[in-house]
Amino acid sequence: MPASSRIVYGRTFRITPAWLWLMQRASGLLLGPLVAVHMWVPDASMSRGLNAILLLIVLAHGYSGIRRIMQLENRSSLISVQAWAWLILVALFGLLIVLYGK
């Protein structure tokens, strides 16, 4: 049995790489306080820097979630396509907000 997978109760599971697990946890923990700052600090929502950081964290969190979904063997390719489409749409609209938001 390779080190990247385990068999539990007759089902094969792939182990999430440590870097991916850490990225998902760190991005999840950072989202809450940054969204609070974005909402409660006057004029923070107009800050391109804060908006860019929030966009990067949301994309990192979404990417790590997509990678974890793709590791499950019983997931269909339709779910992967939908997840990648979500990531691309968020990136495009997020860039528009960061670049052209007032």
C-alpha atoms as a PDB file:
ATOM      1  CA  MET A   1       0.000   0.000   0.000  1.00  0.00           C
ATOM      2  CA  PRO A   2       1.562   3.342  -1.022  1.00  0.00           C
ATOM      3  CA  ALA A   3       2.071   6.036   1.588  1.00  0.00           C
ATOM      4  CA  SER A   4      -0.324   8.372  -0.232  1.00  0.00           C
ATOM      5  CA  SER A   5      -3.395   6.184   0.361  1.00  0.00           C
ATOM      6  CA  ARG A   6      -5.004   4.080   3.049  1.00  0.00           C
ATOM      7  CA  ILE A   7      -7.677   1.408   3.148  1.00  0.00           C
ATOM      8  CA  VAL A   8     -10.260   1.902   5.883  1.00  0.00           C
ATOM      9  CA  TYR A   9     -13.276  -0.398   6.198  1.00  0.00           C
ATOM     10  CA  GLY A  10     -12.586  -1.744   2.727  1.00  0.00           C
ATOM     11  CA  ARG A  11     -12.559   1.688   1.062  1.00  0.00           C
ATOM     12  CA  THR A  12      -9.441   3.312  -0.374  1.00  0.00           C
ATOM     13  CA  PHE A  13      -8.720   6.876   0.690  1.00  0.00           C
ATOM     14  CA  ARG A  14      -6.020   9.192  -0.567  1.00  0.00           C
ATOM     15  CA  ILE A  15      -4.185  11.173   2.048  1.00  0.00           C
ATOM     16  CA  THR A  16      -4.308  14.946   1.692  1.00  0.00           C
ATOM     17  CA  PRO A  17      -0.805  16.397   1.310  1.00  0.00           C
ATOM     18  CA  ALA A  18       0.309  18.445   4.319  1.00  0.00           C
ATOM     19  CA  TRP A  19       0.814  21.646   2.306  1.00  0.00           C
ATOM     20  CA  LEU A  20      -2.724  21.418   0.927  1.00  0.00           C
ATOM     21  CA  TRP A  21      -4.197  20.742   4.349  1.00  0.00           C
ATOM     22  CA  LEU A  22      -2.288  23.699   5.829  1.00  0.00           C
ATOM     23  CA  MET A  23      -3.323  26.020   2.987  1.00  0.00           C
ATOM     24  CA  GLN A  24      -6.982  25.168   3.443  1.00  0.00           C
ATOM     25  CA  ARG A  25      -6.867  25.635   7.215  1.00  0.00           C
ATOM     26  CA  ALA A  26      -4.835  28.863   7.070  1.00  0.00           C
ATOM     27  CA  SER A  27      -7.013  30.417   4.372  1.00  0.00           C
ATOM     28  CA  GLY A  28     -10.143  29.467   6.300  1.00  0.00           C
ATOM     29  CA  LEU A  29      -8.808  31.042   9.488  1.00  0.00           C
ATOM     30  CA  LEU A  30      -7.721  34.238   7.726  1.00  0.00           C
ATOM     31  CA  LEU A  31     -11.023  34.786   5.943  1.00  0.00           C
ATOM     32  CA  GLY A  32     -13.055  35.602   9.058  1.00  0.00           C
ATOM     33  CA  PRO A  33     -10.949  38.436  10.473  1.00  0.00           C
ATOM     34  CA  LEU A  34     -10.236  39.947   7.052  1.00  0.00           C
ATOM     35  CA  VAL A  35     -13.918  39.975   6.110  1.00  0.00           C
ATOM     36  CA  ALA A  36     -14.676  41.620   9.474  1.00  0.00           C
ATOM     37  CA  VAL A  37     -12.075  44.312   8.765  1.00  0.00           C
ATOM     38  CA  HIS A  38     -13.477  44.703   5.248  1.00  0.00           C
ATOM     39  CA  MET A  39     -16.980  45.297   6.661  1.00  0.00           C
ATOM     40  CA  TRP A  40     -16.378  47.236   9.877  1.00  0.00           C
ATOM     41  CA  VAL A  41     -13.399  49.506   9.218  1.00  0.00           C
ATOM     42  CA  PRO A  42     -14.469  52.710   7.458  1.00  0.00           C
ATOM     43  CA  ASP A  43     -13.288  52.845   3.842  1.00  0.00           C
ATOM     44  CA  ALA A  44     -11.560  49.458   4.122  1.00  0.00           C
ATOM     45  CA  SER A  45     -13.829  48.084   1.423  1.00  0.00           C
ATOM     46  CA  MET A  46     -12.318  50.634  -0.956  1.00  0.00           C
ATOM     47  CA  SER A  47      -8.775  49.442  -0.307  1.00  0.00           C
ATOM     48  CA  ARG A  48      -7.368  47.680  -3.365  1.00  0.00           C
ATOM     49  CA  GLY A  49      -4.729  45.993  -1.215  1.00  0.00           C
ATOM     50  CA  LEU A  50      -7.265  44.480   1.185  1.00  0.00           C
ATOM     51  CA  ASN A  51      -9.530  43.443  -1.691  1.00  0.00           C
ATOM     52  CA  ALA A  52      -6.585  41.781  -3.461  1.00  0.00           C
ATOM     53  CA  ILE A  53      -5.598  39.905  -0.286  1.00  0.00           C
ATOM     54  CA  LEU A  54      -9.180  38.767   0.241  1.00  0.00           C
ATOM     55  CA  LEU A  55      -9.375  37.603  -3.377  1.00  0.00           C
ATOM     56  CA  LEU A  56      -6.141  35.626  -3.061  1.00  0.00           C
ATOM     57  CA  ILE A  57      -7.293  33.982   0.157  1.00  0.00           C
ATOM     58  CA  VAL A  58     -10.700  33.074  -1.298  1.00  0.00           C
ATOM     59  CA  LEU A  59      -9.001  31.615  -4.385  1.00  0.00           C
ATOM     60  CA  ALA A  60      -6.511  29.661  -2.256  1.00  0.00           C
ATOM     61  CA  HIS A  61      -9.342  28.290  -0.139  1.00  0.00           C
ATOM     62  CA  GLY A  62     -11.359  27.379  -3.222  1.00  0.00           C
ATOM     63  CA  TYR A  63      -8.368  25.755  -4.919  1.00  0.00           C
ATOM     64  CA  SER A  64      -7.566  23.649  -1.858  1.00  0.00           C
ATOM     65  CA  GLY A  65     -11.192  22.560  -1.667  1.00  0.00           C
ATOM     66  CA  ILE A  66     -11.168  21.600  -5.344  1.00  0.00           C
ATOM     67  CA  ARG A  67      -8.003  19.561  -4.871  1.00  0.00           C
ATOM     68  CA  ARG A  68      -9.560  17.736  -1.938  1.00  0.00           C
ATOM     69  CA  ILE A  69     -12.737  17.001  -3.915  1.00  0.00           C
ATOM     70  CA  MET A  70     -10.662  15.675  -6.816  1.00  0.00           C
ATOM     71  CA  GLN A  71      -8.839  13.289  -4.478  1.00  0.00           C
ATOM     72  CA  LEU A  72     -12.040  11.396  -3.781  1.00  0.00           C
ATOM     73  CA  GLU A  73     -12.214   8.531  -6.220  1.00  0.00           C
ATOM     74  CA  ASN A  74     -16.001   8.333  -6.430  1.00  0.00           C
ATOM     75  CA  ARG A  75     -16.507  11.961  -7.509  1.00  0.00           C
ATOM     76  CA  SER A  76     -17.554  12.548 -11.095  1.00  0.00           C
ATOM     77  CA  SER A  77     -15.707  14.745 -13.522  1.00  0.00           C
ATOM     78  CA  LEU A  78     -18.781  17.029 -13.652  1.00  0.00           C
ATOM     79  CA  ILE A  79     -18.105  18.116 -10.065  1.00  0.00           C
ATOM     80  CA  SER A  80     -14.501  18.921 -10.962  1.00  0.00           C
ATOM     81  CA  VAL A  81     -15.594  20.966 -13.987  1.00  0.00           C
ATOM     82  CA  GLN A  82     -18.116  22.877 -11.876  1.00  0.00           C
ATOM     83  CA  ALA A  83     -15.515  23.542  -9.196  1.00  0.00           C
ATOM     84  CA  TRP A  84     -12.960  24.841 -11.703  1.00  0.00           C
ATOM     85  CA  ALA A  85     -15.643  27.004 -13.340  1.00  0.00           C
ATOM     86  CA  TRP A  86     -16.433  28.482  -9.910  1.00  0.00           C
ATOM     87  CA  LEU A  87     -12.759  29.236  -9.311  1.00  0.00           C
ATOM     88  CA  ILE A  88     -12.340  30.912 -12.704  1.00  0.00           C
ATOM     89  CA  LEU A  89     -15.502  33.017 -12.292  1.00  0.00           C
ATOM     90  CA  VAL A  90     -14.501  34.160  -8.808  1.00  0.00           C
ATOM     91  CA  ALA A  91     -11.033  35.064 -10.092  1.00  0.00           C
ATOM     92  CA  LEU A  92     -12.414  37.056 -13.032  1.00  0.00           C
ATOM     93  CA  PHE A  93     -15.049  38.972 -11.085  1.00  0.00           C
ATOM     94  CA  GLY A  94     -12.639  39.467  -8.183  1.00  0.00           C
ATOM     95  CA  LEU A  95     -10.048  40.973 -10.506  1.00  0.00           C
ATOM     96  CA  LEU A  96     -12.670  43.300 -11.929  1.00  0.00           C
ATOM     97  CA  ILE A  97     -13.559  44.461  -8.418  1.00  0.00           C
ATOM     98  CA  VAL A  98      -9.931  44.923  -7.412  1.00  0.00           C
ATOM     99  CA  LEU A  99      -8.933  46.758 -10.591  1.00  0.00           C
ATOM    100  CA  TYR A 100     -12.024  48.840 -11.314  1.00  0.00           C
ATOM    101  CA  GLY A 101     -13.777  49.161  -7.942  1.00  0.00           C
ATOM    102  CA  LYS A 102     -14.095  52.646  -6.543  1.00  0.00           C
END
